[in-house]
Amino acid sequence: MTIFCRRLATSVALLVAAIVAPAPAIAAEPVFPPGMRVGLVPIEGLAPAKAFPGFESADQSAKLVIAELPANAFSDLEAAIKDDKPLPTGIKPEPLETTAGPAFLTTEQAKDGPADVRRYSVIVRGEGFTGYIAMQVPADAADYADAAVRRMLASTVLRKDVSIGEQLGLMPFKVTALADFKNVRTLAPGAVILLADDDGSGGIEASPFMVIGLIASPPGQSDDRGRFAQQAAATIPGLRDARITMSEPVRIDGAPGYETRIDAVSGKNNTPVTVVQWLRFGASSAALRIIGSASQEDWPKAFPRFRAVRDGIEPR
């Protein structure tokens, strides 16, 4: 064998060894946590988490959380970096090119109790939202070497929509009537959902919308439900100059409930709105909370739709 042939054979052997050498594997296709528009190709050993949207290792030492932030979160960060403004975390992001497009990555060494850990976060621009990923791994975890984690984060992908069926299937109750609401968006996976007539680009108060979820620690005694309902109504975000116009007990699908109505202004255009909040009490440690909001001009047509959705909600 000539010297050239021997060198070529050696080079091929080294290349093959590099290819087949053990390394943290990643799955072939991106995975989206249920209800989320952000996904990625997880490193082998990360499985869908049960308690949060994301992934975790079998021993829960490695965790990756996925969330959706408001649309302006990415542009605000981009502007702060461009203007060299100090960031709240004090960590300067670095550019990261992902499958979804340009993103920013931060990394840090930290402590989780006595353990040394590495933390990563990625923020990426979406269509009408900002994707966010946060990951923590043990500092000495060979299966989650820095290069492997970066490759995984670079595989971040976004989808424009999540099917209505997928979103509603995550809720702890069934929504059997949508009353012509075309846009359904998860606000908190498996906990809170939004029904709206438009995509919110003109401000969510611009058209009728509903927010449906659970509220914890309802009172066990009926005498306390009126106070509880009014306190809950006071926490509805986005309302200014709010005034309760009615608050009284009702029956909802045969169960005790409370209806509260509010007149207020909302949004950057100070739109006069009327809001209804229904609480449906039961035997569980949480009450069903249904909020419907419409401009006072749209209220007469919107209110029957709100009732139709409310009356179509069933337990699982």
C-alpha atoms as a PDB file:
ATOM      1  CA  MET A   1       0.000   0.000   0.000  1.00  0.00           C
ATOM      2  CA  THR A   2       1.434   3.400  -0.939  1.00  0.00           C
ATOM      3  CA  ILE A   3       1.998   6.109   1.630  1.00  0.00           C
ATOM      4  CA  PHE A   4      -0.840   8.109   0.043  1.00  0.00           C
ATOM      5  CA  CYS A   5      -3.234   5.156   0.311  1.00  0.00           C
ATOM      6  CA  ARG A   6      -2.271   4.549   3.926  1.00  0.00           C
ATOM      7  CA  ARG A   7      -2.852   8.220   4.761  1.00  0.00           C
ATOM      8  CA  LEU A   8      -6.201   8.190   2.933  1.00  0.00           C
ATOM      9  CA  ALA A   9      -7.277   5.051   4.819  1.00  0.00           C
ATOM     10  CA  THR A  10      -6.251   6.631   8.112  1.00  0.00           C
ATOM     11  CA  SER A  11      -8.188   9.811   7.326  1.00  0.00           C
ATOM     12  CA  VAL A  12     -11.314   7.847   6.407  1.00  0.00           C
ATOM     13  CA  ALA A  13     -11.032   5.793   9.597  1.00  0.00           C
ATOM     14  CA  LEU A  14     -10.743   8.940  11.695  1.00  0.00           C
ATOM     15  CA  LEU A  15     -13.739  10.479   9.922  1.00  0.00           C
ATOM     16  CA  VAL A  16     -15.844   7.368  10.475  1.00  0.00           C
ATOM     17  CA  ALA A  17     -14.799   7.276  14.123  1.00  0.00           C
ATOM     18  CA  ALA A  18     -15.849  10.896  14.531  1.00  0.00           C
ATOM     19  CA  ILE A  19     -19.222  10.195  12.945  1.00  0.00           C
ATOM     20  CA  VAL A  20     -20.039   7.142  15.042  1.00  0.00           C
ATOM     21  CA  ALA A  21     -18.521   8.389  18.287  1.00  0.00           C
ATOM     22  CA  PRO A  22     -21.094   8.574  21.126  1.00  0.00           C
ATOM     23  CA  ALA A  23     -22.744  11.986  21.341  1.00  0.00           C
ATOM     24  CA  PRO A  24     -26.029  13.317  22.707  1.00  0.00           C
ATOM     25  CA  ALA A  25     -28.522  12.406  20.017  1.00  0.00           C
ATOM     26  CA  ILE A  26     -31.428  14.554  18.952  1.00  0.00           C
ATOM     27  CA  ALA A  27     -34.727  13.433  17.498  1.00  0.00           C
ATOM     28  CA  ALA A  28     -35.381  13.704  13.797  1.00  0.00           C
ATOM     29  CA  GLU A  29     -38.376  16.032  13.949  1.00  0.00           C
ATOM     30  CA  PRO A  30     -39.267  19.086  16.045  1.00  0.00           C
ATOM     31  CA  VAL A  31     -41.725  18.542  18.869  1.00  0.00           C
ATOM     32  CA  PHE A  32     -44.267  21.116  20.043  1.00  0.00           C
ATOM     33  CA  PRO A  33     -45.569  20.928  23.604  1.00  0.00           C
ATOM     34  CA  PRO A  34     -49.366  20.642  23.435  1.00  0.00           C
ATOM     35  CA  GLY A  35     -50.998  23.985  22.781  1.00  0.00           C
ATOM     36  CA  MET A  36     -47.728  25.842  22.146  1.00  0.00           C
ATOM     37  CA  ARG A  37     -46.544  27.522  18.952  1.00  0.00           C
ATOM     38  CA  VAL A  38     -42.876  27.063  19.900  1.00  0.00           C
ATOM     39  CA  GLY A  39     -41.099  23.753  19.397  1.00  0.00           C
ATOM     40  CA  LEU A  40     -37.662  22.268  18.855  1.00  0.00           C
ATOM     41  CA  VAL A  41     -35.780  19.017  18.324  1.00  0.00           C
ATOM     42  CA  PRO A  42     -35.110  17.794  21.890  1.00  0.00           C
ATOM     43  CA  ILE A  43     -31.900  16.058  22.858  1.00  0.00           C
ATOM     44  CA  GLU A  44     -32.420  12.338  23.358  1.00  0.00           C
ATOM     45  CA  GLY A  45     -33.333  11.743  26.980  1.00  0.00           C
ATOM     46  CA  LEU A  46     -35.629  14.759  27.204  1.00  0.00           C
ATOM     47  CA  ALA A  47     -39.306  13.800  27.291  1.00  0.00           C
ATOM     48  CA  PRO A  48     -42.419  15.986  27.376  1.00  0.00           C
ATOM     49  CA  ALA A  49     -42.873  17.384  30.877  1.00  0.00           C
ATOM     50  CA  LYS A  50     -46.045  16.611  32.788  1.00  0.00           C
ATOM     51  CA  ALA A  51     -46.231  19.690  34.998  1.00  0.00           C
ATOM     52  CA  PHE A  52     -45.269  22.464  32.550  1.00  0.00           C
ATOM     53  CA  PRO A  53     -45.032  23.122  28.798  1.00  0.00           C
ATOM     54  CA  GLY A  54     -41.611  21.823  27.789  1.00  0.00           C
ATOM     55  CA  PHE A  55     -39.323  18.860  28.356  1.00  0.00           C
ATOM     56  CA  GLU A  56     -37.412  17.244  31.195  1.00  0.00           C
ATOM     57  CA  SER A  57     -35.041  14.379  31.879  1.00  0.00           C
ATOM     58  CA  ALA A  58     -36.210  11.230  33.676  1.00  0.00           C
ATOM     59  CA  ASP A  59     -34.571  12.375  36.924  1.00  0.00           C
ATOM     60  CA  GLN A  60     -35.807  15.958  36.374  1.00  0.00           C
ATOM     61  CA  SER A  61     -32.280  17.317  36.694  1.00  0.00           C
ATOM     62  CA  ALA A  62     -32.561  18.862  33.216  1.00  0.00           C
ATOM     63  CA  LYS A  63     -35.604  20.979  32.464  1.00  0.00           C
ATOM     64  CA  LEU A  64     -36.608  23.033  29.436  1.00  0.00           C
ATOM     65  CA  VAL A  65     -39.582  25.371  29.676  1.00  0.00           C
ATOM     66  CA  ILE A  66     -41.329  26.878  26.652  1.00  0.00           C
ATOM     67  CA  ALA A  67     -43.534  29.975  26.817  1.00  0.00           C
ATOM     68  CA  GLU A  68     -45.059  32.633  24.615  1.00  0.00           C
ATOM     69  CA  LEU A  69     -44.474  36.319  25.366  1.00  0.00           C
ATOM     70  CA  PRO A  70     -46.146  39.439  23.943  1.00  0.00           C
ATOM     71  CA  ALA A  71     -45.210  40.319  20.374  1.00  0.00           C
ATOM     72  CA  ASN A  72     -43.185  43.400  21.377  1.00  0.00           C
ATOM     73  CA  ALA A  73     -40.879  41.471  23.735  1.00  0.00           C
ATOM     74  CA  PHE A  74     -38.437  40.581  20.951  1.00  0.00           C
ATOM     75  CA  SER A  75     -38.348  44.052  19.387  1.00  0.00           C
ATOM     76  CA  ASP A  76     -37.904  45.684  22.809  1.00  0.00           C
ATOM     77  CA  LEU A  77     -34.919  43.445  23.555  1.00  0.00           C
ATOM     78  CA  GLU A  78     -33.498  44.005  20.069  1.00  0.00           C
ATOM     79  CA  ALA A  79     -33.734  47.789  20.519  1.00  0.00           C
ATOM     80  CA  ALA A  80     -32.119  47.639  23.966  1.00  0.00           C
ATOM     81  CA  ILE A  81     -29.207  45.633  22.581  1.00  0.00           C
ATOM     82  CA  LYS A  82     -28.796  48.005  19.645  1.00  0.00           C
ATOM     83  CA  ASP A  83     -28.764  51.019  21.971  1.00  0.00           C
ATOM     84  CA  ASP A  84     -26.395  49.200  24.357  1.00  0.00           C
ATOM     85  CA  LYS A  85     -28.807  49.682  27.237  1.00  0.00           C
ATOM     86  CA  PRO A  86     -28.274  47.696  30.457  1.00  0.00           C
ATOM     87  CA  LEU A  87     -30.604  44.716  30.760  1.00  0.00           C
ATOM     88  CA  PRO A  88     -32.392  43.719  33.984  1.00  0.00           C
ATOM     89  CA  THR A  89     -30.537  40.413  34.181  1.00  0.00           C
ATOM     90  CA  GLY A  90     -27.150  41.995  33.566  1.00  0.00           C
ATOM     91  CA  ILE A  91     -26.392  39.224  31.030  1.00  0.00           C
ATOM     92  CA  LYS A  92     -25.656  40.350  27.486  1.00  0.00           C
ATOM     93  CA  PRO A  93     -27.474  38.212  24.886  1.00  0.00           C
ATOM     94  CA  GLU A  94     -25.617  36.841  21.884  1.00  0.00           C
ATOM     95  CA  PRO A  95     -27.153  36.358  18.424  1.00  0.00           C
ATOM     96  CA  LEU A  96     -28.374  32.850  17.644  1.00  0.00           C
ATOM     97  CA  GLU A  97     -29.542  31.711  14.232  1.00  0.00           C
ATOM     98  CA  THR A  98     -32.420  29.260  14.580  1.00  0.00           C
ATOM     99  CA  THR A  99     -34.624  27.365  12.177  1.00  0.00           C
ATOM    100  CA  ALA A 100     -37.298  29.952  13.002  1.00  0.00           C
ATOM    101  CA  GLY A 101     -34.953  32.857  12.220  1.00  0.00           C
ATOM    102  CA  PRO A 102     -32.767  35.261  14.202  1.00  0.00           C
ATOM    103  CA  ALA A 103     -32.907  34.897  17.974  1.00  0.00           C
ATOM    104  CA  PHE A 104     -30.986  35.938  21.068  1.00  0.00           C
ATOM    105  CA  LEU A 105     -29.332  33.531  23.486  1.00  0.00           C
ATOM    106  CA  THR A 106     -28.128  34.059  27.045  1.00  0.00           C
ATOM    107  CA  THR A 107     -26.042  31.633  29.064  1.00  0.00           C
ATOM    108  CA  GLU A 108     -24.875  31.683  32.658  1.00  0.00           C
ATOM    109  CA  GLN A 109     -23.340  29.562  35.373  1.00  0.00           C
ATOM    110  CA  ALA A 110     -25.531  29.534  38.449  1.00  0.00           C
ATOM    111  CA  LYS A 111     -26.486  27.696  41.626  1.00  0.00           C
ATOM    112  CA  ASP A 112     -29.640  25.700  42.276  1.00  0.00           C
ATOM    113  CA  GLY A 113     -29.324  25.152  45.995  1.00  0.00           C
ATOM    114  CA  PRO A 114     -25.913  23.535  46.495  1.00  0.00           C
ATOM    115  CA  ALA A 115     -25.737  22.293  42.866  1.00  0.00           C
ATOM    116  CA  ASP A 116     -23.843  24.015  40.078  1.00  0.00           C
ATOM    117  CA  VAL A 117     -25.996  24.450  36.983  1.00  0.00           C
ATOM    118  CA  ARG A 118     -25.888  25.982  33.526  1.00  0.00           C
ATOM    119  CA  ARG A 119     -28.824  28.105  32.402  1.00  0.00           C
ATOM    120  CA  TYR A 120     -29.826  29.045  28.877  1.00  0.00           C
ATOM    121  CA  SER A 121     -32.573  31.260  27.513  1.00  0.00           C
ATOM    122  CA  VAL A 122     -33.655  31.968  23.953  1.00  0.00           C
ATOM    123  CA  ILE A 123     -36.008  34.639  22.692  1.00  0.00           C
ATOM    124  CA  VAL A 124     -37.204  34.530  19.077  1.00  0.00           C
ATOM    125  CA  ARG A 125     -39.594  36.646  17.040  1.00  0.00           C
ATOM    126  CA  GLY A 126     -42.912  35.036  16.088  1.00  0.00           C
ATOM    127  CA  GLU A 127     -45.898  36.229  14.109  1.00  0.00           C
ATOM    128  CA  GLY A 128     -47.950  38.117  16.670  1.00  0.00           C
ATOM    129  CA  PHE A 129     -45.998  36.720  19.622  1.00  0.00           C
ATOM    130  CA  THR A 130     -42.467  36.153  20.913  1.00  0.00           C
ATOM    131  CA  GLY A 131     -41.182  32.654  21.564  1.00  0.00           C
ATOM    132  CA  TYR A 132     -39.246  32.026  24.767  1.00  0.00           C
ATOM    133  CA  ILE A 133     -37.239  29.001  25.893  1.00  0.00           C
ATOM    134  CA  ALA A 134     -35.467  28.564  29.230  1.00  0.00           C
ATOM    135  CA  MET A 135     -33.324  25.560  30.121  1.00  0.00           C
ATOM    136  CA  GLN A 136     -31.372  24.443  33.182  1.00  0.00           C
ATOM    137  CA  VAL A 137     -28.960  21.501  33.262  1.00  0.00           C
ATOM    138  CA  PRO A 138     -26.412  20.236  35.800  1.00  0.00           C
ATOM    139  CA  ALA A 139     -23.074  21.919  35.166  1.00  0.00           C
ATOM    140  CA  ASP A 140     -21.252  18.610  34.743  1.00  0.00           C
ATOM    141  CA  ALA A 141     -23.941  16.735  32.747  1.00  0.00           C
ATOM    142  CA  ALA A 142     -22.129  15.039  29.850  1.00  0.00           C
ATOM    143  CA  ASP A 143     -25.423  14.323  28.079  1.00  0.00           C
ATOM    144  CA  TYR A 144     -26.118  18.053  27.929  1.00  0.00           C
ATOM    145  CA  ALA A 145     -22.791  19.480  26.870  1.00  0.00           C
ATOM    146  CA  ASP A 146     -22.839  23.128  25.874  1.00  0.00           C
ATOM    147  CA  ALA A 147     -22.428  22.388  22.170  1.00  0.00           C
ATOM    148  CA  ALA A 148     -25.301  19.881  22.201  1.00  0.00           C
ATOM    149  CA  VAL A 149     -27.628  22.285  24.014  1.00  0.00           C
ATOM    150  CA  ARG A 150     -26.798  25.053  21.546  1.00  0.00           C
ATOM    151  CA  ARG A 151     -27.556  22.753  18.602  1.00  0.00           C
ATOM    152  CA  MET A 152     -30.882  21.886  20.171  1.00  0.00           C
ATOM    153  CA  LEU A 153     -31.789  25.521  20.798  1.00  0.00           C
ATOM    154  CA  ALA A 154     -30.817  26.379  17.227  1.00  0.00           C
ATOM    155  CA  SER A 155     -33.450  23.868  16.058  1.00  0.00           C
ATOM    156  CA  THR A 156     -36.228  26.097  17.447  1.00  0.00           C
ATOM    157  CA  VAL A 157     -39.205  26.296  15.106  1.00  0.00           C
ATOM    158  CA  LEU A 158     -42.491  28.176  15.247  1.00  0.00           C
ATOM    159  CA  ARG A 159     -45.920  27.357  13.949  1.00  0.00           C
ATOM    160  CA  LYS A 160     -48.466  30.002  13.097  1.00  0.00           C
ATOM    161  CA  ASP A 161     -51.471  28.322  14.625  1.00  0.00           C
ATOM    162  CA  VAL A 162     -52.450  25.580  17.017  1.00  0.00           C
ATOM    163  CA  SER A 163     -55.619  23.741  16.048  1.00  0.00           C
ATOM    164  CA  ILE A 164     -58.713  24.648  18.002  1.00  0.00           C
ATOM    165  CA  GLY A 165     -59.224  20.998  18.881  1.00  0.00           C
ATOM    166  CA  GLU A 166     -55.718  20.696  20.325  1.00  0.00           C
ATOM    167  CA  GLN A 167     -56.147  23.794  22.459  1.00  0.00           C
ATOM    168  CA  LEU A 168     -59.601  22.914  23.752  1.00  0.00           C
ATOM    169  CA  GLY A 169     -58.493  19.347  24.425  1.00  0.00           C
ATOM    170  CA  LEU A 170     -56.034  20.613  27.016  1.00  0.00           C
ATOM    171  CA  MET A 171     -58.655  22.322  29.139  1.00  0.00           C
ATOM    172  CA  PRO A 172     -60.076  20.648  32.267  1.00  0.00           C
ATOM    173  CA  PHE A 173     -63.566  21.231  30.861  1.00  0.00           C
ATOM    174  CA  LYS A 174     -65.272  20.836  27.479  1.00  0.00           C
ATOM    175  CA  VAL A 175     -66.209  23.871  25.374  1.00  0.00           C
ATOM    176  CA  THR A 176     -68.973  22.566  23.104  1.00  0.00           C
ATOM    177  CA  ALA A 177     -70.172  25.906  21.632  1.00  0.00           C
ATOM    178  CA  LEU A 178     -67.897  28.572  20.164  1.00  0.00           C
ATOM    179  CA  ALA A 179     -70.699  30.988  19.149  1.00  0.00           C
ATOM    180  CA  ASP A 180     -68.906  31.964  15.923  1.00  0.00           C
ATOM    181  CA  PHE A 181     -65.665  32.954  17.678  1.00  0.00           C
ATOM    182  CA  LYS A 182     -63.045  32.148  15.060  1.00  0.00           C
ATOM    183  CA  ASN A 183     -59.845  32.788  17.004  1.00  0.00           C
ATOM    184  CA  VAL A 184     -58.966  30.535  19.928  1.00  0.00           C
ATOM    185  CA  ARG A 185     -55.729  31.093  21.809  1.00  0.00           C
ATOM    186  CA  THR A 186     -54.285  29.418  24.870  1.00  0.00           C
ATOM    187  CA  LEU A 187     -53.233  31.954  27.509  1.00  0.00           C
ATOM    188  CA  ALA A 188     -52.046  29.323  29.976  1.00  0.00           C
ATOM    189  CA  PRO A 189     -51.862  25.742  28.681  1.00  0.00           C
ATOM    190  CA  GLY A 190     -54.514  23.591  30.298  1.00  0.00           C
ATOM    191  CA  ALA A 191     -55.755  26.485  32.414  1.00  0.00           C
ATOM    192  CA  VAL A 192     -56.953  29.600  30.554  1.00  0.00           C
ATOM    193  CA  ILE A 193     -58.196  30.069  27.000  1.00  0.00           C
ATOM    194  CA  LEU A 194     -59.208  33.114  24.933  1.00  0.00           C
ATOM    195  CA  LEU A 195     -61.998  33.244  22.343  1.00  0.00           C
ATOM    196  CA  ALA A 196     -61.989  36.302  20.096  1.00  0.00           C
ATOM    197  CA  ASP A 197     -63.422  37.686  16.866  1.00  0.00           C
ATOM    198  CA  ASP A 198     -60.092  39.029  15.621  1.00  0.00           C
ATOM    199  CA  ASP A 199     -56.384  38.371  16.104  1.00  0.00           C
ATOM    200  CA  GLY A 200     -55.901  41.185  18.598  1.00  0.00           C
ATOM    201  CA  SER A 201     -53.695  43.263  16.300  1.00  0.00           C
ATOM    202  CA  GLY A 202     -56.026  46.221  16.756  1.00  0.00           C
ATOM    203  CA  GLY A 203     -56.210  45.783  20.521  1.00  0.00           C
ATOM    204  CA  ILE A 204     -58.112  42.990  22.189  1.00  0.00           C
ATOM    205  CA  GLU A 205     -60.906  45.339  23.253  1.00  0.00           C
ATOM    206  CA  ALA A 206     -61.669  46.236  19.622  1.00  0.00           C
ATOM    207  CA  SER A 207     -64.119  43.329  19.265  1.00  0.00           C
ATOM    208  CA  PRO A 208     -65.984  40.899  21.536  1.00  0.00           C
ATOM    209  CA  PHE A 209     -63.834  38.328  23.324  1.00  0.00           C
ATOM    210  CA  MET A 210     -64.049  35.814  26.141  1.00  0.00           C
ATOM    211  CA  VAL A 211     -61.551  34.429  28.664  1.00  0.00           C
ATOM    212  CA  ILE A 212     -62.376  31.077  30.252  1.00  0.00           C
ATOM    213  CA  GLY A 213     -60.464  29.366  33.030  1.00  0.00           C
ATOM    214  CA  LEU A 214     -60.495  28.292  36.646  1.00  0.00           C
ATOM    215  CA  ILE A 215     -60.123  30.419  39.738  1.00  0.00           C
ATOM    216  CA  ALA A 216     -58.761  28.839  42.894  1.00  0.00           C
ATOM    217  CA  SER A 217     -60.011  28.831  46.471  1.00  0.00           C
ATOM    218  CA  PRO A 218     -63.676  29.743  46.014  1.00  0.00           C
ATOM    219  CA  PRO A 219     -65.648  30.133  49.243  1.00  0.00           C
ATOM    220  CA  GLY A 220     -67.479  27.120  50.534  1.00  0.00           C
ATOM    221  CA  GLN A 221     -70.334  29.149  51.998  1.00  0.00           C
ATOM    222  CA  SER A 222     -72.902  30.775  49.708  1.00  0.00           C
ATOM    223  CA  ASP A 223     -72.926  33.938  51.849  1.00  0.00           C
ATOM    224  CA  ASP A 224     -69.323  34.628  50.892  1.00  0.00           C
ATOM    225  CA  ARG A 225     -69.745  34.214  47.140  1.00  0.00           C
ATOM    226  CA  GLY A 226     -70.881  37.765  46.434  1.00  0.00           C
ATOM    227  CA  ARG A 227     -67.785  39.237  48.044  1.00  0.00           C
ATOM    228  CA  PHE A 228     -65.584  36.698  46.277  1.00  0.00           C
ATOM    229  CA  ALA A 229     -67.169  37.496  42.891  1.00  0.00           C
ATOM    230  CA  GLN A 230     -66.643  41.236  43.293  1.00  0.00           C
ATOM    231  CA  GLN A 231     -63.047  40.759  44.412  1.00  0.00           C
ATOM    232  CA  ALA A 232     -62.421  38.541  41.380  1.00  0.00           C
ATOM    233  CA  ALA A 233     -64.006  41.104  39.066  1.00  0.00           C
ATOM    234  CA  ALA A 234     -61.689  43.771  40.442  1.00  0.00           C
ATOM    235  CA  THR A 235     -58.687  41.770  39.200  1.00  0.00           C
ATOM    236  CA  ILE A 236     -59.771  41.696  35.537  1.00  0.00           C
ATOM    237  CA  PRO A 237     -56.834  43.353  33.749  1.00  0.00           C
ATOM    238  CA  GLY A 238     -57.024  46.204  31.270  1.00  0.00           C
ATOM    239  CA  LEU A 239     -60.055  47.980  32.728  1.00  0.00           C
ATOM    240  CA  ARG A 240     -60.030  51.619  33.815  1.00  0.00           C
ATOM    241  CA  ASP A 241     -62.692  53.654  35.592  1.00  0.00           C
ATOM    242  CA  ALA A 242     -64.442  50.354  36.286  1.00  0.00           C
ATOM    243  CA  ARG A 243     -67.861  50.397  37.941  1.00  0.00           C
ATOM    244  CA  ILE A 244     -69.833  47.314  38.975  1.00  0.00           C
ATOM    245  CA  THR A 245     -73.412  47.709  37.736  1.00  0.00           C
ATOM    246  CA  MET A 246     -74.783  44.350  38.848  1.00  0.00           C
ATOM    247  CA  SER A 247     -73.658  41.404  40.964  1.00  0.00           C
ATOM    248  CA  GLU A 248     -76.095  38.656  41.946  1.00  0.00           C
ATOM    249  CA  PRO A 249     -76.390  34.880  42.376  1.00  0.00           C
ATOM    250  CA  VAL A 250     -77.530  32.811  39.384  1.00  0.00           C
ATOM    251  CA  ARG A 251     -77.870  29.160  38.446  1.00  0.00           C
ATOM    252  CA  ILE A 252     -75.551  27.963  35.671  1.00  0.00           C
ATOM    253  CA  ASP A 253     -76.346  24.540  34.247  1.00  0.00           C
ATOM    254  CA  GLY A 254     -78.036  23.670  37.530  1.00  0.00           C
ATOM    255  CA  ALA A 255     -75.011  24.677  39.639  1.00  0.00           C
ATOM    256  CA  PRO A 256     -74.726  27.720  41.910  1.00  0.00           C
ATOM    257  CA  GLY A 257     -73.046  30.696  40.308  1.00  0.00           C
ATOM    258  CA  TYR A 258     -72.592  34.425  40.409  1.00  0.00           C
ATOM    259  CA  GLU A 259     -72.975  37.013  37.647  1.00  0.00           C
ATOM    260  CA  THR A 260     -71.183  40.359  37.845  1.00  0.00           C
ATOM    261  CA  ARG A 261     -71.340  43.119  35.240  1.00  0.00           C
ATOM    262  CA  ILE A 262     -68.955  46.026  34.889  1.00  0.00           C
ATOM    263  CA  ASP A 263     -68.889  49.219  32.842  1.00  0.00           C
ATOM    264  CA  ALA A 264     -65.382  50.530  32.157  1.00  0.00           C
ATOM    265  CA  VAL A 265     -63.034  51.883  29.508  1.00  0.00           C
ATOM    266  CA  SER A 266     -60.297  49.771  27.964  1.00  0.00           C
ATOM    267  CA  GLY A 267     -57.453  49.946  25.481  1.00  0.00           C
ATOM    268  CA  LYS A 268     -55.363  52.747  24.057  1.00  0.00           C
ATOM    269  CA  ASN A 269     -58.450  54.313  22.471  1.00  0.00           C
ATOM    270  CA  ASN A 270     -60.358  54.381  25.772  1.00  0.00           C
ATOM    271  CA  THR A 271     -63.117  52.210  24.352  1.00  0.00           C
ATOM    272  CA  PRO A 272     -66.231  52.119  26.567  1.00  0.00           C
ATOM    273  CA  VAL A 273     -66.850  48.434  27.323  1.00  0.00           C
ATOM    274  CA  THR A 274     -69.253  46.278  29.251  1.00  0.00           C
ATOM    275  CA  VAL A 275     -67.842  43.154  30.872  1.00  0.00           C
ATOM    276  CA  VAL A 276     -69.643  40.176  32.352  1.00  0.00           C
ATOM    277  CA  GLN A 277     -68.049  37.705  34.750  1.00  0.00           C
ATOM    278  CA  TRP A 278     -69.704  34.395  35.572  1.00  0.00           C
ATOM    279  CA  LEU A 279     -68.437  32.161  38.338  1.00  0.00           C
ATOM    280  CA  ARG A 280     -69.760  28.607  38.492  1.00  0.00           C
ATOM    281  CA  PHE A 281     -69.191  26.887  41.815  1.00  0.00           C
ATOM    282  CA  GLY A 282     -68.990  23.170  42.389  1.00  0.00           C
ATOM    283  CA  ALA A 283     -67.516  20.567  44.678  1.00  0.00           C
ATOM    284  CA  SER A 284     -63.909  21.055  43.537  1.00  0.00           C
ATOM    285  CA  SER A 285     -61.292  23.408  44.968  1.00  0.00           C
ATOM    286  CA  ALA A 286     -61.658  25.754  41.964  1.00  0.00           C
ATOM    287  CA  ALA A 287     -64.546  27.615  40.360  1.00  0.00           C
ATOM    288  CA  LEU A 288     -65.115  28.017  36.640  1.00  0.00           C
ATOM    289  CA  ARG A 289     -64.571  31.629  35.643  1.00  0.00           C
ATOM    290  CA  ILE A 290     -66.027  32.987  32.392  1.00  0.00           C
ATOM    291  CA  ILE A 291     -65.372  36.569  31.312  1.00  0.00           C
ATOM    292  CA  GLY A 292     -66.965  38.225  28.288  1.00  0.00           C
ATOM    293  CA  SER A 293     -66.104  41.720  27.097  1.00  0.00           C
ATOM    294  CA  ALA A 294     -67.497  43.865  24.283  1.00  0.00           C
ATOM    295  CA  SER A 295     -67.701  47.511  23.423  1.00  0.00           C
ATOM    296  CA  GLN A 296     -70.921  49.034  24.675  1.00  0.00           C
ATOM    297  CA  GLU A 297     -71.946  49.456  21.041  1.00  0.00           C
ATOM    298  CA  ASP A 298     -71.481  45.708  20.359  1.00  0.00           C
ATOM    299  CA  TRP A 299     -72.840  44.522  23.701  1.00  0.00           C
ATOM    300  CA  PRO A 300     -76.470  43.768  22.657  1.00  0.00           C
ATOM    301  CA  LYS A 301     -75.282  41.310  19.979  1.00  0.00           C
ATOM    302  CA  ALA A 302     -72.313  39.980  21.962  1.00  0.00           C
ATOM    303  CA  PHE A 303     -74.104  39.069  25.182  1.00  0.00           C
ATOM    304  CA  PRO A 304     -76.208  36.217  23.691  1.00  0.00           C
ATOM    305  CA  ARG A 305     -73.008  34.755  22.228  1.00  0.00           C
ATOM    306  CA  PHE A 306     -71.346  34.912  25.648  1.00  0.00           C
ATOM    307  CA  ARG A 307     -74.301  33.045  27.153  1.00  0.00           C
ATOM    308  CA  ALA A 308     -74.194  30.408  24.425  1.00  0.00           C
ATOM    309  CA  VAL A 309     -70.523  29.676  25.152  1.00  0.00           C
ATOM    310  CA  ARG A 310     -71.178  29.647  28.894  1.00  0.00           C
ATOM    311  CA  ASP A 311     -74.084  27.232  28.590  1.00  0.00           C
ATOM    312  CA  GLY A 312     -72.047  24.913  26.365  1.00  0.00           C
ATOM    313  CA  ILE A 313     -69.258  24.318  28.890  1.00  0.00           C
ATOM    314  CA  GLU A 314     -69.322  20.829  30.352  1.00  0.00           C
ATOM    315  CA  PRO A 315     -67.117  18.972  32.869  1.00  0.00           C
ATOM    316  CA  ARG A 316     -64.745  16.321  31.563  1.00  0.00           C
END
